[in-house]
Amino acid sequence: MIYSKSDSSIKIEDYIDSNVTKKVLSRQLGAVDISELERNDGLKKLIEFVQETFKVHFNGRDNKVLRKLEYITRDLRIPSRSGRNIANV
C-alpha cells in the first residue's frame, strides 16, 4: 500500500488493472495474441509486474529491487498473433 499525506491508504491494485497494463505495454503487446495471453493467465502476470514496477519506482528508482522482479515473468509464455515463437528466437 502507498500512503498519501491525508494518511488514507491507496491500493495500487485498485488503479493498475488490465486496462492500464494494456496501455502501458501497448507497443509490446501489438504483436501478441491477447486472448491467448488471457487464457494462459499471462496477462495476470503482466498486471502484477506493472503493479510491482510502479511500487518500486514510486519513491525513487531502485534497480536492485527492480531486477528481483524477474521472478514474475520468468516462465511467462507470450503467444504471438502469427503463432510463431518470436520471444525465444
N, C-alpha and C. Protein backbone atom coordinates (compact mmCIF):
# COMPACT_ATOMS: atom_id res chain seq x y z
N MET A 1 0.82 -1.18 0.00
CA MET A 1 0.00 0.00 0.00
C MET A 1 0.87 1.24 0.00
N ILE A 2 0.33 2.28 -0.55
CA ILE A 2 1.00 3.57 -0.57
C ILE A 2 0.13 4.54 0.20
N TYR A 3 0.76 5.35 1.01
CA TYR A 3 0.02 6.28 1.86
C TYR A 3 0.16 7.71 1.36
N SER A 4 -0.92 8.43 1.40
CA SER A 4 -0.90 9.83 1.00
C SER A 4 -0.75 10.70 2.23
N LYS A 5 -0.64 12.00 2.04
CA LYS A 5 -0.49 12.94 3.15
C LYS A 5 -1.68 12.92 4.09
N SER A 6 -2.84 12.62 3.59
CA SER A 6 -4.04 12.60 4.43
C SER A 6 -4.13 11.31 5.24
N ASP A 7 -3.09 10.47 5.12
CA ASP A 7 -2.98 9.23 5.88
C ASP A 7 -4.01 8.18 5.49
N SER A 8 -4.65 8.33 4.36
CA SER A 8 -5.55 7.29 3.87
C SER A 8 -4.76 6.40 2.93
N SER A 9 -4.99 5.11 3.02
CA SER A 9 -4.21 4.18 2.20
C SER A 9 -4.82 4.02 0.81
N ILE A 10 -3.95 3.83 -0.14
CA ILE A 10 -4.35 3.64 -1.52
C ILE A 10 -3.74 2.33 -2.00
N LYS A 11 -4.55 1.46 -2.53
CA LYS A 11 -4.04 0.21 -3.07
C LYS A 11 -3.74 0.40 -4.56
N ILE A 12 -2.52 0.12 -4.92
CA ILE A 12 -2.11 0.21 -6.33
C ILE A 12 -2.98 -0.70 -7.19
N GLU A 13 -3.33 -1.84 -6.65
CA GLU A 13 -4.12 -2.83 -7.38
C GLU A 13 -5.49 -2.27 -7.80
N ASP A 14 -5.97 -1.26 -7.07
CA ASP A 14 -7.25 -0.65 -7.43
C ASP A 14 -7.13 0.25 -8.66
N TYR A 15 -5.94 0.66 -8.99
CA TYR A 15 -5.72 1.59 -10.10
C TYR A 15 -5.01 0.96 -11.29
N ILE A 16 -4.10 0.08 -11.03
CA ILE A 16 -3.38 -0.57 -12.13
C ILE A 16 -4.04 -1.93 -12.37
N ASP A 17 -4.88 -1.97 -13.39
CA ASP A 17 -5.62 -3.17 -13.74
C ASP A 17 -5.23 -3.60 -15.16
N SER A 18 -6.04 -4.45 -15.75
CA SER A 18 -5.71 -4.95 -17.09
C SER A 18 -5.72 -3.83 -18.13
N ASN A 19 -6.64 -2.88 -18.01
CA ASN A 19 -6.69 -1.79 -18.99
C ASN A 19 -5.44 -0.91 -18.92
N VAL A 20 -5.02 -0.57 -17.71
CA VAL A 20 -3.81 0.24 -17.54
C VAL A 20 -2.60 -0.53 -18.04
N THR A 21 -2.52 -1.80 -17.70
CA THR A 21 -1.39 -2.63 -18.14
C THR A 21 -1.33 -2.70 -19.66
N LYS A 22 -2.47 -2.87 -20.30
CA LYS A 22 -2.51 -2.92 -21.77
C LYS A 22 -2.06 -1.60 -22.38
N LYS A 23 -2.42 -0.48 -21.74
CA LYS A 23 -1.99 0.83 -22.25
C LYS A 23 -0.49 1.02 -22.05
N VAL A 24 0.01 0.66 -20.88
CA VAL A 24 1.44 0.81 -20.59
C VAL A 24 2.28 -0.04 -21.54
N LEU A 25 1.80 -1.24 -21.83
CA LEU A 25 2.55 -2.17 -22.67
C LEU A 25 1.99 -2.25 -24.09
N SER A 26 1.25 -1.24 -24.52
CA SER A 26 0.57 -1.30 -25.81
C SER A 26 1.51 -1.57 -26.98
N ARG A 27 2.65 -0.95 -26.98
CA ARG A 27 3.60 -1.17 -28.08
C ARG A 27 4.09 -2.62 -28.09
N GLN A 28 4.44 -3.14 -26.94
CA GLN A 28 4.93 -4.51 -26.84
C GLN A 28 3.83 -5.54 -27.11
N LEU A 29 2.61 -5.21 -26.72
CA LEU A 29 1.50 -6.15 -26.90
C LEU A 29 0.91 -6.11 -28.30
N GLY A 30 1.41 -5.24 -29.15
CA GLY A 30 0.90 -5.12 -30.51
C GLY A 30 1.02 -6.40 -31.32
N ALA A 31 2.03 -7.21 -31.04
CA ALA A 31 2.25 -8.44 -31.80
C ALA A 31 1.80 -9.68 -31.03
N VAL A 32 1.08 -9.47 -29.93
CA VAL A 32 0.71 -10.57 -29.04
C VAL A 32 -0.75 -10.95 -29.23
N ASP A 33 -1.03 -12.23 -29.15
CA ASP A 33 -2.40 -12.74 -29.16
C ASP A 33 -2.96 -12.55 -27.75
N ILE A 34 -3.64 -11.43 -27.53
CA ILE A 34 -4.13 -11.05 -26.20
C ILE A 34 -5.10 -12.08 -25.64
N SER A 35 -5.99 -12.60 -26.47
CA SER A 35 -6.97 -13.57 -25.95
C SER A 35 -6.27 -14.83 -25.44
N GLU A 36 -5.25 -15.29 -26.13
CA GLU A 36 -4.49 -16.46 -25.66
C GLU A 36 -3.69 -16.11 -24.41
N LEU A 37 -3.14 -14.92 -24.35
CA LEU A 37 -2.41 -14.46 -23.18
C LEU A 37 -3.32 -14.44 -21.95
N GLU A 38 -4.55 -14.01 -22.14
CA GLU A 38 -5.52 -14.00 -21.04
C GLU A 38 -5.91 -15.41 -20.63
N ARG A 39 -6.05 -16.32 -21.60
CA ARG A 39 -6.42 -17.71 -21.30
C ARG A 39 -5.34 -18.43 -20.49
N ASN A 40 -4.06 -18.14 -20.78
CA ASN A 40 -3.00 -18.85 -20.06
C ASN A 40 -2.50 -18.08 -18.83
N ASP A 41 -3.30 -17.10 -18.37
CA ASP A 41 -3.01 -16.29 -17.18
C ASP A 41 -1.74 -15.44 -17.32
N GLY A 42 -1.27 -15.27 -18.52
CA GLY A 42 -0.11 -14.42 -18.76
C GLY A 42 -0.40 -12.95 -18.49
N LEU A 43 -1.62 -12.52 -18.77
CA LEU A 43 -1.98 -11.13 -18.54
C LEU A 43 -1.96 -10.83 -17.03
N LYS A 44 -2.38 -11.79 -16.21
CA LYS A 44 -2.33 -11.61 -14.76
C LYS A 44 -0.89 -11.37 -14.30
N LYS A 45 0.03 -12.11 -14.87
CA LYS A 45 1.44 -11.93 -14.52
C LYS A 45 1.96 -10.57 -14.96
N LEU A 46 1.53 -10.13 -16.13
CA LEU A 46 1.95 -8.81 -16.60
C LEU A 46 1.36 -7.70 -15.74
N ILE A 47 0.12 -7.87 -15.31
CA ILE A 47 -0.50 -6.88 -14.42
C ILE A 47 0.28 -6.81 -13.11
N GLU A 48 0.60 -7.96 -12.55
CA GLU A 48 1.38 -7.99 -11.31
C GLU A 48 2.74 -7.32 -11.52
N PHE A 49 3.37 -7.58 -12.66
CA PHE A 49 4.67 -6.99 -12.95
C PHE A 49 4.59 -5.46 -13.02
N VAL A 50 3.59 -4.95 -13.71
CA VAL A 50 3.42 -3.49 -13.82
C VAL A 50 3.13 -2.89 -12.45
N GLN A 51 2.29 -3.54 -11.66
CA GLN A 51 1.99 -3.05 -10.32
C GLN A 51 3.25 -2.99 -9.45
N GLU A 52 4.02 -4.06 -9.46
CA GLU A 52 5.23 -4.12 -8.63
C GLU A 52 6.29 -3.13 -9.13
N THR A 53 6.38 -2.96 -10.44
CA THR A 53 7.32 -2.00 -11.00
C THR A 53 6.95 -0.58 -10.57
N PHE A 54 5.66 -0.28 -10.58
CA PHE A 54 5.21 1.03 -10.13
C PHE A 54 5.59 1.25 -8.66
N LYS A 55 5.37 0.24 -7.84
CA LYS A 55 5.70 0.36 -6.42
C LYS A 55 7.18 0.63 -6.22
N VAL A 56 8.03 -0.03 -6.99
CA VAL A 56 9.48 0.17 -6.88
C VAL A 56 9.85 1.59 -7.27
N HIS A 57 9.20 2.13 -8.28
CA HIS A 57 9.53 3.46 -8.79
C HIS A 57 8.81 4.61 -8.08
N PHE A 58 7.85 4.31 -7.22
CA PHE A 58 7.03 5.36 -6.61
C PHE A 58 7.86 6.36 -5.81
N ASN A 59 8.75 5.88 -5.00
CA ASN A 59 9.55 6.77 -4.15
C ASN A 59 10.99 6.92 -4.63
N GLY A 60 11.25 6.53 -5.84
CA GLY A 60 12.60 6.62 -6.40
C GLY A 60 12.98 5.30 -7.02
N ARG A 61 13.89 5.37 -7.94
CA ARG A 61 14.28 4.18 -8.68
C ARG A 61 15.27 3.35 -7.88
N ASP A 62 15.02 2.06 -7.79
CA ASP A 62 15.91 1.13 -7.11
C ASP A 62 16.15 -0.06 -8.04
N ASN A 63 17.22 0.00 -8.80
CA ASN A 63 17.48 -1.02 -9.82
C ASN A 63 17.69 -2.41 -9.23
N LYS A 64 18.23 -2.50 -8.03
CA LYS A 64 18.44 -3.82 -7.41
C LYS A 64 17.11 -4.51 -7.15
N VAL A 65 16.16 -3.76 -6.62
CA VAL A 65 14.83 -4.33 -6.36
C VAL A 65 14.13 -4.63 -7.68
N LEU A 66 14.29 -3.75 -8.64
CA LEU A 66 13.66 -3.94 -9.95
C LEU A 66 14.13 -5.23 -10.61
N ARG A 67 15.40 -5.53 -10.51
CA ARG A 67 15.93 -6.77 -11.11
C ARG A 67 15.34 -8.01 -10.45
N LYS A 68 14.98 -7.90 -9.20
CA LYS A 68 14.41 -9.04 -8.48
C LYS A 68 12.99 -9.36 -8.93
N LEU A 69 12.36 -8.49 -9.70
CA LEU A 69 11.01 -8.73 -10.18
C LEU A 69 10.96 -9.73 -11.33
N GLU A 70 12.10 -10.17 -11.77
CA GLU A 70 12.17 -11.14 -12.86
C GLU A 70 11.37 -12.40 -12.57
N TYR A 71 11.26 -12.75 -11.29
CA TYR A 71 10.55 -13.97 -10.92
C TYR A 71 9.09 -13.96 -11.43
N ILE A 72 8.52 -12.79 -11.59
CA ILE A 72 7.12 -12.68 -12.02
C ILE A 72 6.95 -13.13 -13.47
N THR A 73 7.89 -12.78 -14.31
CA THR A 73 7.75 -13.06 -15.75
C THR A 73 8.68 -14.15 -16.26
N ARG A 74 9.42 -14.79 -15.37
CA ARG A 74 10.42 -15.78 -15.80
C ARG A 74 9.85 -16.86 -16.71
N ASP A 75 8.75 -17.48 -16.36
CA ASP A 75 8.19 -18.59 -17.14
C ASP A 75 6.99 -18.16 -17.99
N LEU A 76 6.88 -16.89 -18.23
CA LEU A 76 5.75 -16.36 -18.99
C LEU A 76 5.86 -16.73 -20.46
N ARG A 77 4.79 -17.28 -20.99
CA ARG A 77 4.72 -17.60 -22.43
C ARG A 77 3.94 -16.49 -23.11
N ILE A 78 4.55 -15.90 -24.12
CA ILE A 78 3.92 -14.80 -24.86
C ILE A 78 3.49 -15.32 -26.24
N PRO A 79 2.20 -15.56 -26.44
CA PRO A 79 1.73 -16.06 -27.73
C PRO A 79 1.66 -14.93 -28.76
N SER A 80 2.23 -15.15 -29.92
CA SER A 80 2.19 -14.12 -30.95
C SER A 80 0.93 -14.27 -31.79
N ARG A 81 0.55 -13.19 -32.44
CA ARG A 81 -0.62 -13.24 -33.33
C ARG A 81 -0.40 -14.19 -34.49
N SER A 82 0.84 -14.28 -34.95
CA SER A 82 1.14 -15.13 -36.09
C SER A 82 1.28 -16.59 -35.71
N GLY A 83 1.37 -16.89 -34.42
CA GLY A 83 1.57 -18.27 -33.98
C GLY A 83 3.01 -18.68 -33.91
N ARG A 84 3.93 -17.80 -34.31
CA ARG A 84 5.35 -18.10 -34.28
C ARG A 84 5.91 -17.74 -32.91
N ASN A 85 6.97 -18.42 -32.51
CA ASN A 85 7.59 -18.18 -31.22
C ASN A 85 8.63 -17.06 -31.39
N ILE A 86 8.17 -15.81 -31.35
CA ILE A 86 9.06 -14.69 -31.59
C ILE A 86 9.82 -14.27 -30.34
N ALA A 87 9.38 -14.69 -29.17
CA ALA A 87 10.02 -14.27 -27.93
C ALA A 87 11.31 -15.04 -27.65
N ASN A 88 11.37 -16.27 -28.10
CA ASN A 88 12.53 -17.11 -27.79
C ASN A 88 13.27 -17.57 -29.04
N VAL A 89 13.51 -16.65 -29.93
CA VAL A 89 14.18 -16.97 -31.19
C VAL A 89 15.67 -17.09 -30.96
